[in-house]
Structure formats: structure tokens, C-alpha cells
Amino acid sequence: MYNEVKPYRLSILPPSGLPQSNIQLEQHEISIPDVARWIQDLICRGWLRILPSKSAMNYEDFDDDENIKRNLLERDGRV
């Protein structure tokens, strides 16, 4: 289908007879490999560096959306 017509999705109510979207969703199974070895290789080659970062938040603090907004987004002016 997409060889003949470009996919679209209208965010407004379309005219009568025109579908709001012609996108046909398909489910695909993918496998996600263990990337730890790949990341280690990037670090060893000098292509990736992990930099220290100071944060007022602990690991558990990231479970609370309001806490994230209060401590990160507002501080950075993104809210």
C-alpha cells in the first residue's frame, strides 16, 4: 500500500469519506541482545565515556513523576 500512497494521520476531523489515518499497524517480534558486552567494547575503544554526575536524586527517587518534575525539570527550566 505504501508504495502507492504515503502514510498519513490527520489531527483534525477529516472531510466525510476520508479516513483519519491510513496507517496499518503490524506487530513484530524483536530480540534485544545483551548490550553490556557491546557497551564495554565501546568504552575500551574510547568511543564512549561515562562521566560522573552529581544529582540530588537517588535511584528510588526516579519512581515518582512529581519528584522528577520538581528536582530535574523545574531546575532546568523545562516545566
PDB file of N, CA and C in Angstrom:
ATOM      1  N   MET A   1       0.817  -1.195   0.000  1.00  0.00           N
ATOM      2  CA  MET A   1       0.000   0.000   0.000  1.00  0.00           C
ATOM      3  C   MET A   1       0.864   1.264   0.000  1.00  0.00           C
ATOM      4  N   TYR A   2       1.935   1.281   0.826  1.00  0.00           N
ATOM      5  CA  TYR A   2       2.730   2.495   0.959  1.00  0.00           C
ATOM      6  C   TYR A   2       3.614   2.758  -0.250  1.00  0.00           C
ATOM      7  N   ASN A   3       3.683   1.837  -1.166  1.00  0.00           N
ATOM      8  CA  ASN A   3       4.406   2.088  -2.410  1.00  0.00           C
ATOM      9  C   ASN A   3       3.618   3.037  -3.307  1.00  0.00           C
ATOM     10  N   GLU A   4       2.298   3.076  -3.097  1.00  0.00           N
ATOM     11  CA  GLU A   4       1.433   3.898  -3.938  1.00  0.00           C
ATOM     12  C   GLU A   4       0.939   5.160  -3.228  1.00  0.00           C
ATOM     13  N   VAL A   5       0.743   5.068  -1.907  1.00  0.00           N
ATOM     14  CA  VAL A   5       0.192   6.184  -1.135  1.00  0.00           C
ATOM     15  C   VAL A   5       1.062   6.386   0.105  1.00  0.00           C
ATOM     16  N   LYS A   6       1.365   7.632   0.421  1.00  0.00           N
ATOM     17  CA  LYS A   6       2.157   7.907   1.620  1.00  0.00           C
ATOM     18  C   LYS A   6       1.270   7.753   2.859  1.00  0.00           C
ATOM     19  N   PRO A   7       1.839   7.199   3.935  1.00  0.00           N
ATOM     20  CA  PRO A   7       1.050   7.080   5.164  1.00  0.00           C
ATOM     21  C   PRO A   7       0.756   8.453   5.753  1.00  0.00           C
ATOM     22  N   TYR A   8      -0.420   8.589   6.369  1.00  0.00           N
ATOM     23  CA  TYR A   8      -0.781   9.854   6.990  1.00  0.00           C
ATOM     24  C   TYR A   8      -1.667   9.600   8.193  1.00  0.00           C
ATOM     25  N   ARG A   9      -1.721  10.581   9.077  1.00  0.00           N
ATOM     26  CA  ARG A   9      -2.644  10.600  10.210  1.00  0.00           C
ATOM     27  C   ARG A   9      -3.033  12.046  10.430  1.00  0.00           C
ATOM     28  N   LEU A  10      -4.303  12.343  10.296  1.00  0.00           N
ATOM     29  CA  LEU A  10      -4.799  13.709  10.440  1.00  0.00           C
ATOM     30  C   LEU A  10      -5.131  14.002  11.898  1.00  0.00           C
ATOM     31  N   SER A  11      -4.691  15.140  12.388  1.00  0.00           N
ATOM     32  CA  SER A  11      -5.002  15.523  13.763  1.00  0.00           C
ATOM     33  C   SER A  11      -6.303  16.328  13.835  1.00  0.00           C
ATOM     34  N   ILE A  12      -6.882  16.619  12.682  1.00  0.00           N
ATOM     35  CA  ILE A  12      -8.170  17.319  12.629  1.00  0.00           C
ATOM     36  C   ILE A  12      -9.207  16.349  12.085  1.00  0.00           C
ATOM     37  N   LEU A  13     -10.459  16.666  12.265  1.00  0.00           N
ATOM     38  CA  LEU A  13     -11.526  15.835  11.744  1.00  0.00           C
ATOM     39  C   LEU A  13     -11.536  15.948  10.220  1.00  0.00           C
ATOM     40  N   PRO A  14     -11.352  14.832   9.521  1.00  0.00           N
ATOM     41  CA  PRO A  14     -11.275  14.898   8.063  1.00  0.00           C
ATOM     42  C   PRO A  14     -12.652  15.075   7.426  1.00  0.00           C
ATOM     43  N   PRO A  15     -12.656  15.495   6.166  1.00  0.00           N
ATOM     44  CA  PRO A  15     -13.940  15.592   5.449  1.00  0.00           C
ATOM     45  C   PRO A  15     -14.591  14.217   5.338  1.00  0.00           C
ATOM     46  N   SER A  16     -15.865  14.217   5.126  1.00  0.00           N
ATOM     47  CA  SER A  16     -16.626  12.973   5.005  1.00  0.00           C
ATOM     48  C   SER A  16     -16.021  12.064   3.935  1.00  0.00           C
ATOM     49  N   GLY A  17     -15.875  10.801   4.275  1.00  0.00           N
ATOM     50  CA  GLY A  17     -15.366   9.822   3.320  1.00  0.00           C
ATOM     51  C   GLY A  17     -13.862   9.635   3.371  1.00  0.00           C
ATOM     52  N   LEU A  18     -13.130  10.521   4.058  1.00  0.00           N
ATOM     53  CA  LEU A  18     -11.685  10.391   4.156  1.00  0.00           C
ATOM     54  C   LEU A  18     -11.333   9.854   5.546  1.00  0.00           C
ATOM     55  N   PRO A  19     -10.637   8.728   5.614  1.00  0.00           N
ATOM     56  CA  PRO A  19     -10.275   8.196   6.931  1.00  0.00           C
ATOM     57  C   PRO A  19      -9.274   9.120   7.637  1.00  0.00           C
ATOM     58  N   GLN A  20      -9.327   9.129   8.956  1.00  0.00           N
ATOM     59  CA  GLN A  20      -8.425   9.986   9.727  1.00  0.00           C
ATOM     60  C   GLN A  20      -6.975   9.524   9.584  1.00  0.00           C
ATOM     61  N   SER A  21      -6.790   8.230   9.282  1.00  0.00           N
ATOM     62  CA  SER A  21      -5.442   7.693   9.115  1.00  0.00           C
ATOM     63  C   SER A  21      -5.489   6.530   8.132  1.00  0.00           C
ATOM     64  N   ASN A  22      -4.408   6.350   7.390  1.00  0.00           N
ATOM     65  CA  ASN A  22      -4.314   5.170   6.536  1.00  0.00           C
ATOM     66  C   ASN A  22      -3.161   4.270   6.991  1.00  0.00           C
ATOM     67  N   ILE A  23      -2.695   4.518   8.208  1.00  0.00           N
ATOM     68  CA  ILE A  23      -1.584   3.733   8.741  1.00  0.00           C
ATOM     69  C   ILE A  23      -2.089   2.358   9.160  1.00  0.00           C
ATOM     70  N   GLN A  24      -1.390   1.344   8.713  1.00  0.00           N
ATOM     71  CA  GLN A  24      -1.726  -0.033   9.078  1.00  0.00           C
ATOM     72  C   GLN A  24      -0.648  -0.550  10.015  1.00  0.00           C
ATOM     73  N   LEU A  25      -1.027  -0.740  11.272  1.00  0.00           N
ATOM     74  CA  LEU A  25      -0.067  -1.187  12.266  1.00  0.00           C
ATOM     75  C   LEU A  25       0.150  -2.690  12.160  1.00  0.00           C
ATOM     76  N   GLU A  26       1.373  -3.097  12.361  1.00  0.00           N
ATOM     77  CA  GLU A  26       1.721  -4.508  12.356  1.00  0.00           C
ATOM     78  C   GLU A  26       2.556  -4.801  13.584  1.00  0.00           C
ATOM     79  N   GLN A  27       2.323  -5.953  14.174  1.00  0.00           N
ATOM     80  CA  GLN A  27       3.112  -6.350  15.329  1.00  0.00           C
ATOM     81  C   GLN A  27       4.308  -7.173  14.857  1.00  0.00           C
ATOM     82  N   HIS A  28       5.482  -6.832  15.384  1.00  0.00           N
ATOM     83  CA  HIS A  28       6.709  -7.550  15.040  1.00  0.00           C
ATOM     84  C   HIS A  28       7.401  -7.978  16.320  1.00  0.00           C
ATOM     85  N   GLU A  29       7.955  -9.156  16.305  1.00  0.00           N
ATOM     86  CA  GLU A  29       8.750  -9.600  17.437  1.00  0.00           C
ATOM     87  C   GLU A  29      10.204  -9.285  17.155  1.00  0.00           C
ATOM     88  N   ILE A  30      10.841  -8.691  18.140  1.00  0.00           N
ATOM     89  CA  ILE A  30      12.260  -8.383  18.005  1.00  0.00           C
ATOM     90  C   ILE A  30      12.990  -8.943  19.214  1.00  0.00           C
ATOM     91  N   SER A  31      14.244  -9.229  19.032  1.00  0.00           N
ATOM     92  CA  SER A  31      15.052  -9.658  20.169  1.00  0.00           C
ATOM     93  C   SER A  31      16.043  -8.547  20.486  1.00  0.00           C
ATOM     94  N   ILE A  32      16.198  -8.303  21.756  1.00  0.00           N
ATOM     95  CA  ILE A  32      17.136  -7.277  22.204  1.00  0.00           C
ATOM     96  C   ILE A  32      18.313  -8.004  22.842  1.00  0.00           C
ATOM     97  N   PRO A  33      19.470  -7.904  22.210  1.00  0.00           N
ATOM     98  CA  PRO A  33      20.627  -8.618  22.742  1.00  0.00           C
ATOM     99  C   PRO A  33      21.147  -7.967  24.015  1.00  0.00           C
ATOM    100  N   ASP A  34      21.939  -8.710  24.734  1.00  0.00           N
ATOM    101  CA  ASP A  34      22.587  -8.175  25.919  1.00  0.00           C
ATOM    102  C   ASP A  34      23.613  -7.158  25.449  1.00  0.00           C
ATOM    103  N   VAL A  35      23.401  -5.902  25.789  1.00  0.00           N
ATOM    104  CA  VAL A  35      24.262  -4.847  25.280  1.00  0.00           C
ATOM    105  C   VAL A  35      25.445  -4.548  26.193  1.00  0.00           C
ATOM    106  N   ALA A  36      25.519  -5.222  27.333  1.00  0.00           N
ATOM    107  CA  ALA A  36      26.598  -4.932  28.276  1.00  0.00           C
ATOM    108  C   ALA A  36      27.973  -5.145  27.637  1.00  0.00           C
ATOM    109  N   ARG A  37      28.143  -6.237  26.912  1.00  0.00           N
ATOM    110  CA  ARG A  37      29.427  -6.512  26.260  1.00  0.00           C
ATOM    111  C   ARG A  37      29.714  -5.469  25.179  1.00  0.00           C
ATOM    112  N   TRP A  38      28.690  -5.067  24.452  1.00  0.00           N
ATOM    113  CA  TRP A  38      28.842  -4.068  23.399  1.00  0.00           C
ATOM    114  C   TRP A  38      29.251  -2.719  23.994  1.00  0.00           C
ATOM    115  N   ILE A  39      28.609  -2.334  25.108  1.00  0.00           N
ATOM    116  CA  ILE A  39      28.957  -1.077  25.763  1.00  0.00           C
ATOM    117  C   ILE A  39      30.381  -1.131  26.289  1.00  0.00           C
ATOM    118  N   GLN A  40      30.769  -2.265  26.875  1.00  0.00           N
ATOM    119  CA  GLN A  40      32.135  -2.407  27.385  1.00  0.00           C
ATOM    120  C   GLN A  40      33.146  -2.253  26.252  1.00  0.00           C
ATOM    121  N   ASP A  41      32.830  -2.793  25.095  1.00  0.00           N
ATOM    122  CA  ASP A  41      33.716  -2.661  23.932  1.00  0.00           C
ATOM    123  C   ASP A  41      33.837  -1.189  23.515  1.00  0.00           C
ATOM    124  N   LEU A  42      32.724  -0.461  23.522  1.00  0.00           N
ATOM    125  CA  LEU A  42      32.757   0.966  23.174  1.00  0.00           C
ATOM    126  C   LEU A  42      33.606   1.757  24.162  1.00  0.00           C
ATOM    127  N   ILE A  43      33.497   1.415  25.429  1.00  0.00           N
ATOM    128  CA  ILE A  43      34.298   2.095  26.452  1.00  0.00           C
ATOM    129  C   ILE A  43      35.778   1.792  26.242  1.00  0.00           C
ATOM    130  N   CYS A  44      36.111   0.527  25.999  1.00  0.00           N
ATOM    131  CA  CYS A  44      37.508   0.133  25.796  1.00  0.00           C
ATOM    132  C   CYS A  44      38.114   0.823  24.572  1.00  0.00           C
ATOM    133  N   ARG A  45      37.346   1.024  23.537  1.00  0.00           N
ATOM    134  CA  ARG A  45      37.841   1.683  22.326  1.00  0.00           C
ATOM    135  C   ARG A  45      37.899   3.207  22.467  1.00  0.00           C
ATOM    136  N   GLY A  46      37.366   3.703  23.574  1.00  0.00           N
ATOM    137  CA  GLY A  46      37.367   5.143  23.789  1.00  0.00           C
ATOM    138  C   GLY A  46      36.256   5.867  23.063  1.00  0.00           C
ATOM    139  N   TRP A  47      35.282   5.119  22.566  1.00  0.00           N
ATOM    140  CA  TRP A  47      34.173   5.725  21.824  1.00  0.00           C
ATOM    141  C   TRP A  47      33.026   6.146  22.735  1.00  0.00           C
ATOM    142  N   LEU A  48      33.062   5.690  23.986  1.00  0.00           N
ATOM    143  CA  LEU A  48      32.009   6.010  24.939  1.00  0.00           C
ATOM    144  C   LEU A  48      32.666   6.269  26.283  1.00  0.00           C
ATOM    145  N   ARG A  49      32.249   7.346  26.924  1.00  0.00           N
ATOM    146  CA  ARG A  49      32.740   7.653  28.259  1.00  0.00           C
ATOM    147  C   ARG A  49      31.552   7.859  29.174  1.00  0.00           C
ATOM    148  N   ILE A  50      31.661   7.358  30.364  1.00  0.00           N
ATOM    149  CA  ILE A  50      30.638   7.581  31.375  1.00  0.00           C
ATOM    150  C   ILE A  50      31.206   8.612  32.334  1.00  0.00           C
ATOM    151  N   LEU A  51      30.549   9.749  32.386  1.00  0.00           N
ATOM    152  CA  LEU A  51      31.036  10.861  33.184  1.00  0.00           C
ATOM    153  C   LEU A  51      30.335  10.894  34.533  1.00  0.00           C
ATOM    154  N   PRO A  52      31.051  11.268  35.561  1.00  0.00           N
ATOM    155  CA  PRO A  52      30.397  11.390  36.870  1.00  0.00           C
ATOM    156  C   PRO A  52      29.394  12.541  36.841  1.00  0.00           C
ATOM    157  N   SER A  53      28.337  12.374  37.564  1.00  0.00           N
ATOM    158  CA  SER A  53      27.301  13.398  37.597  1.00  0.00           C
ATOM    159  C   SER A  53      26.768  13.513  39.015  1.00  0.00           C
ATOM    160  N   LYS A  54      26.611  14.731  39.476  1.00  0.00           N
ATOM    161  CA  LYS A  54      26.034  14.957  40.795  1.00  0.00           C
ATOM    162  C   LYS A  54      24.532  15.129  40.637  1.00  0.00           C
ATOM    163  N   SER A  55      23.785  14.486  41.499  1.00  0.00           N
ATOM    164  CA  SER A  55      22.337  14.581  41.457  1.00  0.00           C
ATOM    165  C   SER A  55      21.795  14.617  42.877  1.00  0.00           C
ATOM    166  N   ALA A  56      20.766  15.390  43.059  1.00  0.00           N
ATOM    167  CA  ALA A  56      20.100  15.434  44.361  1.00  0.00           C
ATOM    168  C   ALA A  56      19.160  14.250  44.517  1.00  0.00           C
ATOM    169  N   MET A  57      19.038  13.447  43.465  1.00  0.00           N
ATOM    170  CA  MET A  57      18.091  12.340  43.484  1.00  0.00           C
ATOM    171  C   MET A  57      18.808  11.005  43.632  1.00  0.00           C
ATOM    172  N   ASN A  58      18.176  10.119  44.387  1.00  0.00           N
ATOM    173  CA  ASN A  58      18.642   8.738  44.497  1.00  0.00           C
ATOM    174  C   ASN A  58      17.936   7.906  43.449  1.00  0.00           C
ATOM    175  N   TYR A  59      18.401   6.688  43.277  1.00  0.00           N
ATOM    176  CA  TYR A  59      17.827   5.789  42.279  1.00  0.00           C
ATOM    177  C   TYR A  59      16.321   5.643  42.472  1.00  0.00           C
ATOM    178  N   GLU A  60      15.881   5.455  43.716  1.00  0.00           N
ATOM    179  CA  GLU A  60      14.460   5.239  44.006  1.00  0.00           C
ATOM    180  C   GLU A  60      13.618   6.476  43.709  1.00  0.00           C
ATOM    181  N   ASP A  61      14.242   7.654  43.745  1.00  0.00           N
ATOM    182  CA  ASP A  61      13.505   8.896  43.502  1.00  0.00           C
ATOM    183  C   ASP A  61      12.924   8.966  42.097  1.00  0.00           C
ATOM    184  N   PHE A  62      13.483   8.219  41.167  1.00  0.00           N
ATOM    185  CA  PHE A  62      13.014   8.265  39.778  1.00  0.00           C
ATOM    186  C   PHE A  62      11.702   7.520  39.572  1.00  0.00           C
ATOM    187  N   ASP A  63      11.193   6.851  40.617  1.00  0.00           N
ATOM    188  CA  ASP A  63       9.895   6.187  40.527  1.00  0.00           C
ATOM    189  C   ASP A  63       8.736   7.157  40.687  1.00  0.00           C
ATOM    190  N   ASP A  64       9.014   8.370  41.152  1.00  0.00           N
ATOM    191  CA  ASP A  64       7.984   9.350  41.446  1.00  0.00           C
ATOM    192  C   ASP A  64       8.028  10.475  40.404  1.00  0.00           C
ATOM    193  N   ASP A  65       7.017  10.524  39.533  1.00  0.00           N
ATOM    194  CA  ASP A  65       6.985  11.528  38.460  1.00  0.00           C
ATOM    195  C   ASP A  65       7.022  12.955  38.989  1.00  0.00           C
ATOM    196  N   GLU A  66       6.295  13.216  40.072  1.00  0.00           N
ATOM    197  CA  GLU A  66       6.273  14.563  40.625  1.00  0.00           C
ATOM    198  C   GLU A  66       7.644  14.950  41.163  1.00  0.00           C
ATOM    199  N   ASN A  67       8.338  13.992  41.731  1.00  0.00           N
ATOM    200  CA  ASN A  67       9.681  14.246  42.243  1.00  0.00           C
ATOM    201  C   ASN A  67      10.646  14.564  41.101  1.00  0.00           C
ATOM    202  N   ILE A  68      10.492  13.875  39.988  1.00  0.00           N
ATOM    203  CA  ILE A  68      11.329  14.142  38.811  1.00  0.00           C
ATOM    204  C   ILE A  68      11.082  15.565  38.321  1.00  0.00           C
ATOM    205  N   LYS A  69       9.809  15.929  38.208  1.00  0.00           N
ATOM    206  CA  LYS A  69       9.480  17.281  37.752  1.00  0.00           C
ATOM    207  C   LYS A  69      10.059  18.332  38.697  1.00  0.00           C
ATOM    208  N   ARG A  70       9.900  18.091  39.997  1.00  0.00           N
ATOM    209  CA  ARG A  70      10.345  19.056  40.991  1.00  0.00           C
ATOM    210  C   ARG A  70      11.873  19.185  41.010  1.00  0.00           C
ATOM    211  N   ASN A  71      12.584  18.078  40.912  1.00  0.00           N
ATOM    212  CA  ASN A  71      14.037  18.107  41.092  1.00  0.00           C
ATOM    213  C   ASN A  71      14.824  18.290  39.808  1.00  0.00           C
ATOM    214  N   LEU A  72      14.301  17.845  38.695  1.00  0.00           N
ATOM    215  CA  LEU A  72      15.064  17.923  37.455  1.00  0.00           C
ATOM    216  C   LEU A  72      14.506  18.935  36.473  1.00  0.00           C
ATOM    217  N   LEU A  73      13.258  18.781  36.107  1.00  0.00           N
ATOM    218  CA  LEU A  73      12.699  19.600  35.048  1.00  0.00           C
ATOM    219  C   LEU A  73      12.565  21.064  35.451  1.00  0.00           C
ATOM    220  N   GLU A  74      12.070  21.329  36.660  1.00  0.00           N
ATOM    221  CA  GLU A  74      11.925  22.716  37.099  1.00  0.00           C
ATOM    222  C   GLU A  74      13.286  23.370  37.254  1.00  0.00           C
ATOM    223  N   ARG A  75      14.254  22.618  37.762  1.00  0.00           N
ATOM    224  CA  ARG A  75      15.598  23.159  37.940  1.00  0.00           C
ATOM    225  C   ARG A  75      16.209  23.579  36.606  1.00  0.00           C
ATOM    226  N   ASP A  76      15.936  22.766  35.571  1.00  0.00           N
ATOM    227  CA  ASP A  76      16.496  23.049  34.259  1.00  0.00           C
ATOM    228  C   ASP A  76      15.625  23.964  33.421  1.00  0.00           C
ATOM    229  N   GLY A  77      14.480  24.406  33.984  1.00  0.00           N
ATOM    230  CA  GLY A  77      13.591  25.317  33.270  1.00  0.00           C
ATOM    231  C   GLY A  77      12.788  24.650  32.175  1.00  0.00           C
ATOM    232  N   ARG A  78      12.555  23.340  32.277  1.00  0.00           N
ATOM    233  CA  ARG A  78      11.818  22.625  31.233  1.00  0.00           C
ATOM    234  C   ARG A  78      10.361  22.401  31.593  1.00  0.00           C
ATOM    235  N   VAL A  79       9.886  22.994  32.708  1.00  0.00           N
ATOM    236  CA  VAL A  79       8.474  22.866  33.066  1.00  0.00           C
ATOM    237  C   VAL A  79       7.874  24.238  33.156  1.00  0.00           C
TER     238      VAL A  79
END
